[in-house]
Amino acid sequence: MAVIVQIDFTMPAEMLGDNLTQAAGELAASINQEPGFISKIWTENAETGAAGGIYHFTDRTSAQAYLEMHSKRVEAMGADNIRSRIFDINEALTAINHGQTGH
């Protein structure tokens, strides 16, 4: 069953916006190669120094493996206060609201 992963963390505000876009291009491309990965929505709030993303994976096992690896990776990039959660998708209700749950 497909799952959603929510990750957020704090980073210095000067590392967000255009700076993050320039610095994270290779990282973004590498995420596409992760087992079970479907998509990611990148998130940030420069006012609070928060960044992260909403990830869509084909299964919980792939999501958990990615989460463990990625948490260490963003910490090495200077992130702290890393929080994450994995959610199952209620596909019936999501379909009513035009949510995309397929590949």
PDB file of N, CA and C in Angstrom:
ATOM      1  N   MET A   1       0.838  -1.182   0.000  1.00  0.00           N
ATOM      2  CA  MET A   1       0.000   0.000   0.000  1.00  0.00           C
ATOM      3  C   MET A   1       0.884   1.247   0.000  1.00  0.00           C
ATOM      4  N   ALA A   2       0.563   2.206  -0.843  1.00  0.00           N
ATOM      5  CA  ALA A   2       1.324   3.448  -0.937  1.00  0.00           C
ATOM      6  C   ALA A   2       1.210   4.246   0.353  1.00  0.00           C
ATOM      7  N   VAL A   3       2.278   4.982   0.658  1.00  0.00           N
ATOM      8  CA  VAL A   3       2.318   5.805   1.867  1.00  0.00           C
ATOM      9  C   VAL A   3       2.853   7.193   1.534  1.00  0.00           C
ATOM     10  N   ILE A   4       2.582   8.111   2.452  1.00  0.00           N
ATOM     11  CA  ILE A   4       3.104   9.470   2.395  1.00  0.00           C
ATOM     12  C   ILE A   4       4.077   9.641   3.550  1.00  0.00           C
ATOM     13  N   VAL A   5       5.210  10.280   3.275  1.00  0.00           N
ATOM     14  CA  VAL A   5       6.188  10.601   4.307  1.00  0.00           C
ATOM     15  C   VAL A   5       6.248  12.120   4.431  1.00  0.00           C
ATOM     16  N   GLN A   6       6.138  12.597   5.657  1.00  0.00           N
ATOM     17  CA  GLN A   6       6.278  14.026   5.931  1.00  0.00           C
ATOM     18  C   GLN A   6       7.577  14.226   6.696  1.00  0.00           C
ATOM     19  N   ILE A   7       8.460  15.070   6.178  1.00  0.00           N
ATOM     20  CA  ILE A   7       9.720  15.390   6.840  1.00  0.00           C
ATOM     21  C   ILE A   7       9.829  16.906   6.924  1.00  0.00           C
ATOM     22  N   ASP A   8      10.190  17.405   8.105  1.00  0.00           N
ATOM     23  CA  ASP A   8      10.522  18.818   8.205  1.00  0.00           C
ATOM     24  C   ASP A   8      11.655  18.995   9.198  1.00  0.00           C
ATOM     25  N   PHE A   9      12.371  20.091   9.040  1.00  0.00           N
ATOM     26  CA  PHE A   9      13.538  20.380   9.867  1.00  0.00           C
ATOM     27  C   PHE A   9      13.826  21.868   9.768  1.00  0.00           C
ATOM     28  N   THR A  10      14.727  22.350  10.607  1.00  0.00           N
ATOM     29  CA  THR A  10      15.127  23.744  10.532  1.00  0.00           C
ATOM     30  C   THR A  10      16.521  23.847   9.924  1.00  0.00           C
ATOM     31  N   MET A  11      16.698  24.933   9.165  1.00  0.00           N
ATOM     32  CA  MET A  11      17.983  25.256   8.535  1.00  0.00           C
ATOM     33  C   MET A  11      18.150  26.766   8.614  1.00  0.00           C
ATOM     34  N   PRO A  12      19.369  27.259   8.550  1.00  0.00           N
ATOM     35  CA  PRO A  12      19.552  28.707   8.485  1.00  0.00           C
ATOM     36  C   PRO A  12      18.778  29.278   7.292  1.00  0.00           C
ATOM     37  N   ALA A  13      18.052  30.370   7.517  1.00  0.00           N
ATOM     38  CA  ALA A  13      17.196  30.949   6.478  1.00  0.00           C
ATOM     39  C   ALA A  13      17.964  31.265   5.202  1.00  0.00           C
ATOM     40  N   GLU A  14      19.239  31.628   5.329  1.00  0.00           N
ATOM     41  CA  GLU A  14      20.013  31.973   4.131  1.00  0.00           C
ATOM     42  C   GLU A  14      20.292  30.759   3.250  1.00  0.00           C
ATOM     43  N   MET A  15      20.036  29.552   3.760  1.00  0.00           N
ATOM     44  CA  MET A  15      20.236  28.341   2.958  1.00  0.00           C
ATOM     45  C   MET A  15      18.986  27.951   2.170  1.00  0.00           C
ATOM     46  N   LEU A  16      17.890  28.690   2.357  1.00  0.00           N
ATOM     47  CA  LEU A  16      16.630  28.343   1.696  1.00  0.00           C
ATOM     48  C   LEU A  16      16.448  29.159   0.416  1.00  0.00           C
ATOM     49  N   GLY A  17      15.305  28.991  -0.224  1.00  0.00           N
ATOM     50  CA  GLY A  17      14.990  29.739  -1.439  1.00  0.00           C
ATOM     51  C   GLY A  17      15.907  29.381  -2.592  1.00  0.00           C
ATOM     52  N   ASP A  18      16.388  30.404  -3.283  1.00  0.00           N
ATOM     53  CA  ASP A  18      17.253  30.183  -4.445  1.00  0.00           C
ATOM     54  C   ASP A  18      18.528  29.434  -4.076  1.00  0.00           C
ATOM     55  N   ASN A  19      19.057  29.694  -2.880  1.00  0.00           N
ATOM     56  CA  ASN A  19      20.281  28.998  -2.461  1.00  0.00           C
ATOM     57  C   ASN A  19      20.047  27.495  -2.355  1.00  0.00           C
ATOM     58  N   LEU A  20      18.907  27.103  -1.794  1.00  0.00           N
ATOM     59  CA  LEU A  20      18.594  25.678  -1.695  1.00  0.00           C
ATOM     60  C   LEU A  20      18.381  25.087  -3.085  1.00  0.00           C
ATOM     61  N   THR A  21      17.683  25.818  -3.936  1.00  0.00           N
ATOM     62  CA  THR A  21      17.435  25.343  -5.297  1.00  0.00           C
ATOM     63  C   THR A  21      18.752  25.063  -6.021  1.00  0.00           C
ATOM     64  N   GLN A  22      19.703  25.958  -5.882  1.00  0.00           N
ATOM     65  CA  GLN A  22      21.001  25.773  -6.541  1.00  0.00           C
ATOM     66  C   GLN A  22      21.799  24.642  -5.906  1.00  0.00           C
ATOM     67  N   ALA A  23      21.746  24.545  -4.581  1.00  0.00           N
ATOM     68  CA  ALA A  23      22.570  23.559  -3.875  1.00  0.00           C
ATOM     69  C   ALA A  23      22.009  22.140  -3.938  1.00  0.00           C
ATOM     70  N   ALA A  24      20.704  22.005  -4.115  1.00  0.00           N
ATOM     71  CA  ALA A  24      20.078  20.688  -3.972  1.00  0.00           C
ATOM     72  C   ALA A  24      19.692  20.024  -5.288  1.00  0.00           C
ATOM     73  N   GLY A  25      20.148  20.528  -6.405  1.00  0.00           N
ATOM     74  CA  GLY A  25      19.785  19.936  -7.696  1.00  0.00           C
ATOM     75  C   GLY A  25      20.185  18.481  -7.819  1.00  0.00           C
ATOM     76  N   GLU A  26      21.418  18.166  -7.467  1.00  0.00           N
ATOM     77  CA  GLU A  26      21.870  16.772  -7.543  1.00  0.00           C
ATOM     78  C   GLU A  26      21.133  15.900  -6.536  1.00  0.00           C
ATOM     79  N   LEU A  27      20.894  16.446  -5.348  1.00  0.00           N
ATOM     80  CA  LEU A  27      20.134  15.709  -4.340  1.00  0.00           C
ATOM     81  C   LEU A  27      18.743  15.380  -4.869  1.00  0.00           C
ATOM     82  N   ALA A  28      18.092  16.375  -5.466  1.00  0.00           N
ATOM     83  CA  ALA A  28      16.746  16.161  -6.003  1.00  0.00           C
ATOM     84  C   ALA A  28      16.744  15.051  -7.049  1.00  0.00           C
ATOM     85  N   ALA A  29      17.722  15.076  -7.937  1.00  0.00           N
ATOM     86  CA  ALA A  29      17.799  14.040  -8.971  1.00  0.00           C
ATOM     87  C   ALA A  29      18.044  12.667  -8.361  1.00  0.00           C
ATOM     88  N   SER A  30      18.851  12.600  -7.308  1.00  0.00           N
ATOM     89  CA  SER A  30      19.154  11.302  -6.691  1.00  0.00           C
ATOM     90  C   SER A  30      17.940  10.692  -6.005  1.00  0.00           C
ATOM     91  N   ILE A  31      17.047  11.536  -5.503  1.00  0.00           N
ATOM     92  CA  ILE A  31      15.849  11.025  -4.828  1.00  0.00           C
ATOM     93  C   ILE A  31      15.017  10.188  -5.799  1.00  0.00           C
ATOM     94  N   ASN A  32      15.012  10.573  -7.074  1.00  0.00           N
ATOM     95  CA  ASN A  32      14.247   9.826  -8.079  1.00  0.00           C
ATOM     96  C   ASN A  32      14.692   8.377  -8.213  1.00  0.00           C
ATOM     97  N   GLN A  33      15.903   8.077  -7.789  1.00  0.00           N
ATOM     98  CA  GLN A  33      16.448   6.722  -7.925  1.00  0.00           C
ATOM     99  C   GLN A  33      16.178   5.838  -6.708  1.00  0.00           C
ATOM    100  N   GLU A  34      15.575   6.392  -5.663  1.00  0.00           N
ATOM    101  CA  GLU A  34      15.351   5.621  -4.440  1.00  0.00           C
ATOM    102  C   GLU A  34      14.278   4.550  -4.659  1.00  0.00           C
ATOM    103  N   PRO A  35      14.491   3.357  -4.120  1.00  0.00           N
ATOM    104  CA  PRO A  35      13.498   2.282  -4.254  1.00  0.00           C
ATOM    105  C   PRO A  35      12.131   2.717  -3.717  1.00  0.00           C
ATOM    106  N   GLY A  36      11.103   2.471  -4.497  1.00  0.00           N
ATOM    107  CA  GLY A  36       9.739   2.753  -4.077  1.00  0.00           C
ATOM    108  C   GLY A  36       9.318   4.203  -4.184  1.00  0.00           C
ATOM    109  N   PHE A  37      10.210   5.091  -4.589  1.00  0.00           N
ATOM    110  CA  PHE A  37       9.891   6.515  -4.664  1.00  0.00           C
ATOM    111  C   PHE A  37       8.942   6.802  -5.820  1.00  0.00           C
ATOM    112  N   ILE A  38       7.905   7.617  -5.551  1.00  0.00           N
ATOM    113  CA  ILE A  38       6.969   8.050  -6.589  1.00  0.00           C
ATOM    114  C   ILE A  38       7.128   9.543  -6.861  1.00  0.00           C
ATOM    115  N   SER A  39       7.043  10.376  -5.808  1.00  0.00           N
ATOM    116  CA  SER A  39       7.135  11.820  -6.018  1.00  0.00           C
ATOM    117  C   SER A  39       7.464  12.541  -4.717  1.00  0.00           C
ATOM    118  N   LYS A  40       7.847  13.813  -4.866  1.00  0.00           N
ATOM    119  CA  LYS A  40       8.123  14.666  -3.711  1.00  0.00           C
ATOM    120  C   LYS A  40       7.616  16.062  -3.997  1.00  0.00           C
ATOM    121  N   ILE A  41       7.048  16.689  -2.979  1.00  0.00           N
ATOM    122  CA  ILE A  41       6.741  18.116  -2.985  1.00  0.00           C
ATOM    123  C   ILE A  41       7.713  18.751  -1.999  1.00  0.00           C
ATOM    124  N   TRP A  42       8.542  19.666  -2.474  1.00  0.00           N
ATOM    125  CA  TRP A  42       9.517  20.349  -1.623  1.00  0.00           C
ATOM    126  C   TRP A  42       8.806  21.468  -0.864  1.00  0.00           C
ATOM    127  N   THR A  43       9.106  21.615   0.429  1.00  0.00           N
ATOM    128  CA  THR A  43       8.467  22.633   1.254  1.00  0.00           C
ATOM    129  C   THR A  43       9.524  23.477   1.958  1.00  0.00           C
ATOM    130  N   GLU A  44       9.201  24.754   2.172  1.00  0.00           N
ATOM    131  CA  GLU A  44      10.072  25.618   2.961  1.00  0.00           C
ATOM    132  C   GLU A  44       9.302  26.844   3.434  1.00  0.00           C
ATOM    133  N   ASN A  45       9.774  27.399   4.537  1.00  0.00           N
ATOM    134  CA  ASN A  45       9.223  28.625   5.097  1.00  0.00           C
ATOM    135  C   ASN A  45      10.409  29.453   5.576  1.00  0.00           C
ATOM    136  N   ALA A  46      10.822  30.437   4.785  1.00  0.00           N
ATOM    137  CA  ALA A  46      12.008  31.229   5.101  1.00  0.00           C
ATOM    138  C   ALA A  46      11.840  32.017   6.398  1.00  0.00           C
ATOM    139  N   GLU A  47      10.604  32.391   6.736  1.00  0.00           N
ATOM    140  CA  GLU A  47      10.372  33.156   7.966  1.00  0.00           C
ATOM    141  C   GLU A  47      10.731  32.359   9.212  1.00  0.00           C
ATOM    142  N   THR A  48      10.495  31.055   9.171  1.00  0.00           N
ATOM    143  CA  THR A  48      10.760  30.218  10.349  1.00  0.00           C
ATOM    144  C   THR A  48      12.006  29.354  10.192  1.00  0.00           C
ATOM    145  N   GLY A  49      12.602  29.367   9.007  1.00  0.00           N
ATOM    146  CA  GLY A  49      13.766  28.525   8.751  1.00  0.00           C
ATOM    147  C   GLY A  49      13.416  27.057   8.627  1.00  0.00           C
ATOM    148  N   ALA A  50      12.163  26.774   8.297  1.00  0.00           N
ATOM    149  CA  ALA A  50      11.713  25.384   8.162  1.00  0.00           C
ATOM    150  C   ALA A  50      11.797  24.947   6.707  1.00  0.00           C
ATOM    151  N   ALA A  51      12.167  23.694   6.514  1.00  0.00           N
ATOM    152  CA  ALA A  51      12.216  23.106   5.176  1.00  0.00           C
ATOM    153  C   ALA A  51      11.887  21.629   5.300  1.00  0.00           C
ATOM    154  N   GLY A  52      11.676  20.995   4.168  1.00  0.00           N
ATOM    155  CA  GLY A  52      11.389  19.565   4.177  1.00  0.00           C
ATOM    156  C   GLY A  52      10.634  19.160   2.937  1.00  0.00           C
ATOM    157  N   GLY A  53       9.729  18.217   3.111  1.00  0.00           N
ATOM    158  CA  GLY A  53       8.974  17.770   1.965  1.00  0.00           C
ATOM    159  C   GLY A  53       7.913  16.749   2.310  1.00  0.00           C
ATOM    160  N   ILE A  54       7.053  16.530   1.337  1.00  0.00           N
ATOM    161  CA  ILE A  54       6.025  15.500   1.387  1.00  0.00           C
ATOM    162  C   ILE A  54       6.387  14.508   0.289  1.00  0.00           C
ATOM    163  N   TYR A  55       6.618  13.266   0.667  1.00  0.00           N
ATOM    164  CA  TYR A  55       7.086  12.227  -0.243  1.00  0.00           C
ATOM    165  C   TYR A  55       6.006  11.171  -0.425  1.00  0.00           C
ATOM    166  N   HIS A  56       5.955  10.599  -1.599  1.00  0.00           N
ATOM    167  CA  HIS A  56       5.006   9.535  -1.913  1.00  0.00           C
ATOM    168  C   HIS A  56       5.826   8.301  -2.283  1.00  0.00           C
ATOM    169  N   PHE A  57       5.611   7.216  -1.551  1.00  0.00           N
ATOM    170  CA  PHE A  57       6.320   5.957  -1.791  1.00  0.00           C
ATOM    171  C   PHE A  57       5.320   4.842  -2.056  1.00  0.00           C
ATOM    172  N   THR A  58       5.767   3.824  -2.768  1.00  0.00           N
ATOM    173  CA  THR A  58       4.898   2.690  -3.093  1.00  0.00           C
ATOM    174  C   THR A  58       4.575   1.831  -1.881  1.00  0.00           C
ATOM    175  N   ASP A  59       5.455   1.854  -0.861  1.00  0.00           N
ATOM    176  CA  ASP A  59       5.249   0.967   0.289  1.00  0.00           C
ATOM    177  C   ASP A  59       5.976   1.502   1.519  1.00  0.00           C
ATOM    178  N   ARG A  60       5.547   1.059   2.678  1.00  0.00           N
ATOM    179  CA  ARG A  60       6.086   1.502   3.962  1.00  0.00           C
ATOM    180  C   ARG A  60       7.557   1.098   4.133  1.00  0.00           C
ATOM    181  N   THR A  61       7.937  -0.079   3.683  1.00  0.00           N
ATOM    182  CA  THR A  61       9.319  -0.535   3.838  1.00  0.00           C
ATOM    183  C   THR A  61      10.286   0.396   3.108  1.00  0.00           C
ATOM    184  N   SER A  62       9.966   0.757   1.877  1.00  0.00           N
ATOM    185  CA  SER A  62      10.809   1.687   1.117  1.00  0.00           C
ATOM    186  C   SER A  62      10.845   3.057   1.779  1.00  0.00           C
ATOM    187  N   ALA A  63       9.701   3.514   2.246  1.00  0.00           N
ATOM    188  CA  ALA A  63       9.627   4.820   2.904  1.00  0.00           C
ATOM    189  C   ALA A  63      10.480   4.848   4.163  1.00  0.00           C
ATOM    190  N   GLN A  64      10.404   3.809   4.966  1.00  0.00           N
ATOM    191  CA  GLN A  64      11.174   3.753   6.209  1.00  0.00           C
ATOM    192  C   GLN A  64      12.675   3.732   5.922  1.00  0.00           C
ATOM    193  N   ALA A  65      13.090   2.972   4.938  1.00  0.00           N
ATOM    194  CA  ALA A  65      14.511   2.913   4.579  1.00  0.00           C
ATOM    195  C   ALA A  65      14.997   4.283   4.107  1.00  0.00           C
ATOM    196  N   TYR A  66      14.201   4.946   3.290  1.00  0.00           N
ATOM    197  CA  TYR A  66      14.574   6.275   2.816  1.00  0.00           C
ATOM    198  C   TYR A  66      14.655   7.254   3.973  1.00  0.00           C
ATOM    199  N   LEU A  67      13.681   7.200   4.847  1.00  0.00           N
ATOM    200  CA  LEU A  67      13.624   8.112   5.981  1.00  0.00           C
ATOM    201  C   LEU A  67      14.865   8.002   6.855  1.00  0.00           C
ATOM    202  N   GLU A  68      15.298   6.802   7.128  1.00  0.00           N
ATOM    203  CA  GLU A  68      16.490   6.599   7.951  1.00  0.00           C
ATOM    204  C   GLU A  68      17.730   7.179   7.273  1.00  0.00           C
ATOM    205  N   MET A  69      17.885   6.951   5.982  1.00  0.00           N
ATOM    206  CA  MET A  69      19.033   7.469   5.243  1.00  0.00           C
ATOM    207  C   MET A  69      18.970   8.991   5.123  1.00  0.00           C
ATOM    208  N   HIS A  70      17.805   9.507   4.755  1.00  0.00           N
ATOM    209  CA  HIS A  70      17.683  10.936   4.469  1.00  0.00           C
ATOM    210  C   HIS A  70      17.825  11.788   5.726  1.00  0.00           C
ATOM    211  N   SER A  71      17.356  11.296   6.852  1.00  0.00           N
ATOM    212  CA  SER A  71      17.506  12.053   8.101  1.00  0.00           C
ATOM    213  C   SER A  71      18.979  12.302   8.402  1.00  0.00           C
ATOM    214  N   LYS A  72      19.807  11.305   8.202  1.00  0.00           N
ATOM    215  CA  LYS A  72      21.253  11.465   8.412  1.00  0.00           C
ATOM    216  C   LYS A  72      21.838  12.436   7.388  1.00  0.00           C
ATOM    217  N   ARG A  73      21.346  12.359   6.159  1.00  0.00           N
ATOM    218  CA  ARG A  73      21.868  13.212   5.089  1.00  0.00           C
ATOM    219  C   ARG A  73      21.557  14.685   5.348  1.00  0.00           C
ATOM    220  N   VAL A  74      20.323  15.013   5.719  1.00  0.00           N
ATOM    221  CA  VAL A  74      19.995  16.425   5.940  1.00  0.00           C
ATOM    222  C   VAL A  74      20.664  16.955   7.207  1.00  0.00           C
ATOM    223  N   GLU A  75      20.868  16.093   8.177  1.00  0.00           N
ATOM    224  CA  GLU A  75      21.598  16.515   9.374  1.00  0.00           C
ATOM    225  C   GLU A  75      23.032  16.899   8.996  1.00  0.00           C
ATOM    226  N   ALA A  76      23.648  16.131   8.117  1.00  0.00           N
ATOM    227  CA  ALA A  76      25.004  16.437   7.656  1.00  0.00           C
ATOM    228  C   ALA A  76      25.049  17.740   6.854  1.00  0.00           C
ATOM    229  N   MET A  77      23.906  18.139   6.281  1.00  0.00           N
ATOM    230  CA  MET A  77      23.827  19.388   5.519  1.00  0.00           C
ATOM    231  C   MET A  77      23.575  20.596   6.417  1.00  0.00           C
ATOM    232  N   GLY A  78      23.430  20.380   7.725  1.00  0.00           N
ATOM    233  CA  GLY A  78      23.223  21.487   8.650  1.00  0.00           C
ATOM    234  C   GLY A  78      21.830  21.600   9.219  1.00  0.00           C
ATOM    235  N   ALA A  79      20.956  20.664   8.912  1.00  0.00           N
ATOM    236  CA  ALA A  79      19.595  20.696   9.443  1.00  0.00           C
ATOM    237  C   ALA A  79      19.580  20.202  10.887  1.00  0.00           C
ATOM    238  N   ASP A  80      18.629  20.722  11.663  1.00  0.00           N
ATOM    239  CA  ASP A  80      18.394  20.170  12.992  1.00  0.00           C
ATOM    240  C   ASP A  80      16.893  20.149  13.247  1.00  0.00           C
ATOM    241  N   ASN A  81      16.509  19.683  14.415  1.00  0.00           N
ATOM    242  CA  ASN A  81      15.080  19.526  14.750  1.00  0.00           C
ATOM    243  C   ASN A  81      14.345  18.723  13.677  1.00  0.00           C
ATOM    244  N   ILE A  82      14.941  17.632  13.240  1.00  0.00           N
ATOM    245  CA  ILE A  82      14.365  16.809  12.171  1.00  0.00           C
ATOM    246  C   ILE A  82      13.180  16.021  12.722  1.00  0.00           C
ATOM    247  N   ARG A  83      12.040  16.183  12.072  1.00  0.00           N
ATOM    248  CA  ARG A  83      10.831  15.449  12.447  1.00  0.00           C
ATOM    249  C   ARG A  83      10.317  14.705  11.224  1.00  0.00           C
ATOM    250  N   SER A  84       9.757  13.539  11.452  1.00  0.00           N
ATOM    251  CA  SER A  84       9.221  12.779  10.320  1.00  0.00           C
ATOM    252  C   SER A  84       8.078  11.889  10.773  1.00  0.00           C
ATOM    253  N   ARG A  85       7.189  11.625   9.821  1.00  0.00           N
ATOM    254  CA  ARG A  85       6.060  10.721  10.059  1.00  0.00           C
ATOM    255  C   ARG A  85       5.718  10.016   8.753  1.00  0.00           C
ATOM    256  N   ILE A  86       5.211   8.807   8.888  1.00  0.00           N
ATOM    257  CA  ILE A  86       4.735   8.042   7.736  1.00  0.00           C
ATOM    258  C   ILE A  86       3.234   7.842   7.903  1.00  0.00           C
ATOM    259  N   PHE A  87       2.493   8.099   6.836  1.00  0.00           N
ATOM    260  CA  PHE A  87       1.043   7.962   6.853  1.00  0.00           C
ATOM    261  C   PHE A  87       0.592   6.996   5.769  1.00  0.00           C
ATOM    262  N   ASP A  88      -0.371   6.142   6.091  1.00  0.00           N
ATOM    263  CA  ASP A  88      -1.061   5.368   5.062  1.00  0.00           C
ATOM    264  C   ASP A  88      -1.993   6.323   4.319  1.00  0.00           C
ATOM    265  N   ILE A  89      -2.309   5.994   3.086  1.00  0.00           N
ATOM    266  CA  ILE A  89      -3.199   6.821   2.275  1.00  0.00           C
ATOM    267  C   ILE A  89      -4.589   6.202   2.266  1.00  0.00           C
ATOM    268  N   ASN A  90      -5.597   6.992   2.591  1.00  0.00           N
ATOM    269  CA  ASN A  90      -6.981   6.562   2.445  1.00  0.00           C
ATOM    270  C   ASN A  90      -7.351   6.861   0.992  1.00  0.00           C
ATOM    271  N   GLU A  91      -7.211   5.851   0.145  1.00  0.00           N
ATOM    272  CA  GLU A  91      -7.369   6.058  -1.292  1.00  0.00           C
ATOM    273  C   GLU A  91      -8.792   6.424  -1.683  1.00  0.00           C
ATOM    274  N   ALA A  92      -9.793   5.890  -0.993  1.00  0.00           N
ATOM    275  CA  ALA A  92     -11.182   6.196  -1.344  1.00  0.00           C
ATOM    276  C   ALA A  92     -11.484   7.679  -1.134  1.00  0.00           C
ATOM    277  N   LEU A  93     -11.108   8.229   0.009  1.00  0.00           N
ATOM    278  CA  LEU A  93     -11.359   9.647   0.260  1.00  0.00           C
ATOM    279  C   LEU A  93     -10.455  10.532  -0.594  1.00  0.00           C
ATOM    280  N   THR A  94      -9.233  10.109  -0.805  1.00  0.00           N
ATOM    281  CA  THR A  94      -8.305  10.876  -1.635  1.00  0.00           C
ATOM    282  C   THR A  94      -8.842  11.011  -3.057  1.00  0.00           C
ATOM    283  N   ALA A  95      -9.443   9.964  -3.588  1.00  0.00           N
ATOM    284  CA  ALA A  95     -10.002  10.002  -4.945  1.00  0.00           C
ATOM    285  C   ALA A  95     -11.118  11.041  -5.054  1.00  0.00           C
ATOM    286  N   ILE A  96     -11.919  11.194  -4.009  1.00  0.00           N
ATOM    287  CA  ILE A  96     -12.991  12.192  -4.024  1.00  0.00           C
ATOM    288  C   ILE A  96     -12.415  13.593  -4.220  1.00  0.00           C
ATOM    289  N   ASN A  97     -11.243  13.829  -3.641  1.00  0.00           N
ATOM    290  CA  ASN A  97     -10.617  15.155  -3.706  1.00  0.00           C
ATOM    291  C   ASN A  97      -9.555  15.266  -4.794  1.00  0.00           C
ATOM    292  N   HIS A  98      -9.615  14.380  -5.783  1.00  0.00           N
ATOM    293  CA  HIS A  98      -8.739  14.418  -6.961  1.00  0.00           C
ATOM    294  C   HIS A  98      -7.272  14.169  -6.632  1.00  0.00           C
ATOM    295  N   GLY A  99      -6.983  13.522  -5.512  1.00  0.00           N
ATOM    296  CA  GLY A  99      -5.604  13.199  -5.147  1.00  0.00           C
ATOM    297  C   GLY A  99      -5.037  12.134  -6.071  1.00  0.00           C
ATOM    298  N   GLN A 100      -3.765  12.236  -6.338  1.00  0.00           N
ATOM    299  CA  GLN A 100      -3.073  11.288  -7.210  1.00  0.00           C
ATOM    300  C   GLN A 100      -2.356  10.261  -6.345  1.00  0.00           C
ATOM    301  N   THR A 101      -2.775   9.014  -6.399  1.00  0.00           N
ATOM    302  CA  THR A 101      -2.133   7.985  -5.581  1.00  0.00           C
ATOM    303  C   THR A 101      -1.457   6.913  -6.413  1.00  0.00           C
ATOM    304  N   GLY A 102      -1.554   6.989  -7.711  1.00  0.00           N
ATOM    305  CA  GLY A 102      -0.934   5.982  -8.575  1.00  0.00           C
ATOM    306  C   GLY A 102       0.472   6.372  -8.954  1.00  0.00           C
ATOM    307  N   HIS A 103       1.084   5.545  -9.778  1.00  0.00           N
ATOM    308  CA  HIS A 103       2.446   5.808 -10.237  1.00  0.00           C
ATOM    309  C   HIS A 103       2.357   6.784 -11.359  1.00  0.00           C
TER     310      HIS A 103
END
